[in-house]
C-alpha atoms as a PDB file:
ATOM      1  CA  MET A   1      62.723  38.637 238.887  1.00  0.00           C
ATOM      2  CA  ALA A   2      64.073  41.234 241.034  1.00  0.00           C
ATOM      3  CA  GLU A   3      67.678  42.499 241.066  1.00  0.00           C
ATOM      4  CA  LEU A   4      69.799  41.850 244.480  1.00  0.00           C
ATOM      5  CA  THR A   5      70.907  45.044 246.280  1.00  0.00           C
ATOM      6  CA  PRO A   6      73.988  44.961 248.051  1.00  0.00           C
ATOM      7  CA  ILE A   7      71.581  44.834 251.547  1.00  0.00           C
ATOM      8  CA  HIS A   8      70.077  41.806 250.099  1.00  0.00           C
ATOM      9  CA  GLU A   9      73.503  39.964 249.586  1.00  0.00           C
ATOM     10  CA  GLU A  10      74.607  40.894 252.910  1.00  0.00           C
ATOM     11  CA  ILE A  11      71.228  39.239 254.728  1.00  0.00           C
ATOM     12  CA  LEU A  12      71.903  36.410 252.803  1.00  0.00           C
ATOM     13  CA  ARG A  13      75.744  36.212 253.774  1.00  0.00           C
ATOM     14  CA  ILE A  14      74.943  36.683 257.077  1.00  0.00           C
ATOM     15  CA  LEU A  15      72.045  33.826 257.517  1.00  0.00           C
ATOM     16  CA  GLU A  16      74.934  31.664 256.067  1.00  0.00           C
ATOM     17  CA  GLU A  17      77.857  32.719 258.118  1.00  0.00           C
ATOM     18  CA  LYS A  18      74.977  31.971 261.345  1.00  0.00           C
ATOM     19  CA  GLU A  19      74.435  28.584 259.819  1.00  0.00           C
ATOM     20  CA  SER A  20      70.681  29.708 259.802  1.00  0.00           C
ATOM     21  CA  SER A  21      67.864  26.755 259.852  1.00  0.00           C
ATOM     22  CA  TYR A  22      64.541  26.101 260.821  1.00  0.00           C
ATOM     23  CA  ALA A  23      65.829  25.288 264.254  1.00  0.00           C
ATOM     24  CA  PHE A  24      68.156  28.063 264.238  1.00  0.00           C
ATOM     25  CA  PRO A  25      66.555  30.650 262.748  1.00  0.00           C
ATOM     26  CA  VAL A  26      68.534  34.633 263.167  1.00  0.00           C
ATOM     27  CA  ARG A  27      66.224  37.308 264.627  1.00  0.00           C
ATOM     28  CA  SER A  28      65.683  40.533 262.773  1.00  0.00           C
ATOM     29  CA  LYS A  29      67.094  42.651 265.109  1.00  0.00           C
ATOM     30  CA  GLU A  30      70.252  40.553 264.958  1.00  0.00           C
ATOM     31  CA  ILE A  31      70.685  40.835 261.344  1.00  0.00           C
ATOM     32  CA  GLY A  32      70.006  44.415 261.864  1.00  0.00           C
ATOM     33  CA  ASP A  33      72.743  44.968 264.678  1.00  0.00           C
ATOM     34  CA  ALA A  34      74.807  43.279 262.031  1.00  0.00           C
ATOM     35  CA  LEU A  35      74.444  45.780 259.345  1.00  0.00           C
ATOM     36  CA  ASN A  36      73.133  48.766 261.610  1.00  0.00           C
ATOM     37  CA  VAL A  37      69.807  49.394 260.625  1.00  0.00           C
ATOM     38  CA  SER A  38      66.415  48.888 262.436  1.00  0.00           C
ATOM     39  CA  PRO A  39      64.571  45.542 262.446  1.00  0.00           C
ATOM     40  CA  SER A  40      61.653  46.656 260.479  1.00  0.00           C
ATOM     41  CA  TYR A  41      63.798  47.517 257.665  1.00  0.00           C
ATOM     42  CA  VAL A  42      65.371  44.326 257.392  1.00  0.00           C
ATOM     43  CA  ARG A  43      61.862  42.720 257.569  1.00  0.00           C
ATOM     44  CA  GLU A  44      60.929  44.832 254.582  1.00  0.00           C
ATOM     45  CA  MET A  45      64.289  43.704 252.713  1.00  0.00           C
ATOM     46  CA  THR A  46      63.406  39.852 253.169  1.00  0.00           C
ATOM     47  CA  ALA A  47      60.385  40.160 251.776  1.00  0.00           C
ATOM     48  CA  LEU A  48      61.997  39.936 248.437  1.00  0.00           C
ATOM     49  CA  LEU A  49      64.228  37.322 249.478  1.00  0.00           C
ATOM     50  CA  GLN A  50      61.390  35.390 250.689  1.00  0.00           C
ATOM     51  CA  GLY A  51      59.423  36.088 247.322  1.00  0.00           C
ATOM     52  CA  MET A  52      62.418  34.525 245.533  1.00  0.00           C
ATOM     53  CA  HIS A  53      62.393  31.408 247.738  1.00  0.00           C
ATOM     54  CA  LEU A  54      66.199  32.099 248.883  1.00  0.00           C
ATOM     55  CA  VAL A  55      64.792  32.894 252.634  1.00  0.00           C
ATOM     56  CA  ARG A  56      62.400  31.302 255.087  1.00  0.00           C
ATOM     57  CA  VAL A  57      60.527  32.443 257.855  1.00  0.00           C
ATOM     58  CA  ARG A  58      60.043  30.541 261.325  1.00  0.00           C
ATOM     59  CA  ARG A  59      57.085  32.799 263.168  1.00  0.00           C
ATOM     60  CA  GLY A  60      56.107  33.088 266.797  1.00  0.00           C
ATOM     61  CA  ARG A  61      58.342  32.958 269.803  1.00  0.00           C
ATOM     62  CA  GLY A  62      62.064  32.250 269.018  1.00  0.00           C
ATOM     63  CA  GLY A  63      61.134  32.865 264.679  1.00  0.00           C
ATOM     64  CA  GLY A  64      63.522  34.566 262.894  1.00  0.00           C
ATOM     65  CA  TYR A  65      64.806  33.852 259.035  1.00  0.00           C
ATOM     66  CA  TYR A  66      66.673  31.061 257.700  1.00  0.00           C
ATOM     67  CA  LEU A  67      68.442  30.394 254.368  1.00  0.00           C
ATOM     68  CA  ASN A  68      65.947  27.960 252.169  1.00  0.00           C
ATOM     69  CA  SER A  69      68.561  24.800 251.606  1.00  0.00           C
ATOM     70  CA  VAL A  70      66.236  23.192 248.999  1.00  0.00           C
ATOM     71  CA  ILE A  71      64.525  25.032 246.387  1.00  0.00           C
ATOM     72  CA  GLY A  72      61.127  24.013 245.527  1.00  0.00           C
ATOM     73  CA  SER A  73      60.353  21.246 248.911  1.00  0.00           C
ATOM     74  CA  ASN A  74      58.536  22.353 251.368  1.00  0.00           C
ATOM     75  CA  THR A  75      60.991  21.522 254.609  1.00  0.00           C
ATOM     76  CA  GLY A  76      60.220  21.867 258.065  1.00  0.00           C
ATOM     77  CA  PRO A  77      58.686  20.052 260.609  1.00  0.00           C
ATOM     78  CA  SER A  78      54.969  19.875 259.487  1.00  0.00           C
ATOM     79  CA  ASN A  79      56.150  17.805 256.340  1.00  0.00           C
ATOM     80  CA  VAL A  80      58.033  15.142 258.200  1.00  0.00           C
ATOM     81  CA  ARG A  81      56.193  11.581 258.146  1.00  0.00           C
ATOM     82  CA  SER A  82      57.080   8.241 259.376  1.00  0.00           C
END
């Protein structure tokens, strides 16, 4: 299993600090501004976090990254049943 680097830990800290969720994801530009790195570098670094199931991504307009609050579950609007 891959080991987290300080940049990965900082990304996780920012997502937690901003109370990220599916409804309120944090854009890579916002994370990059906080860490003084480019948004493309943030996207590259979050790929590992996604692979470890620590972070999820909401694609499209208004999208961004958020913490995977329940490891191993499929949370999100498409999985809600009435």
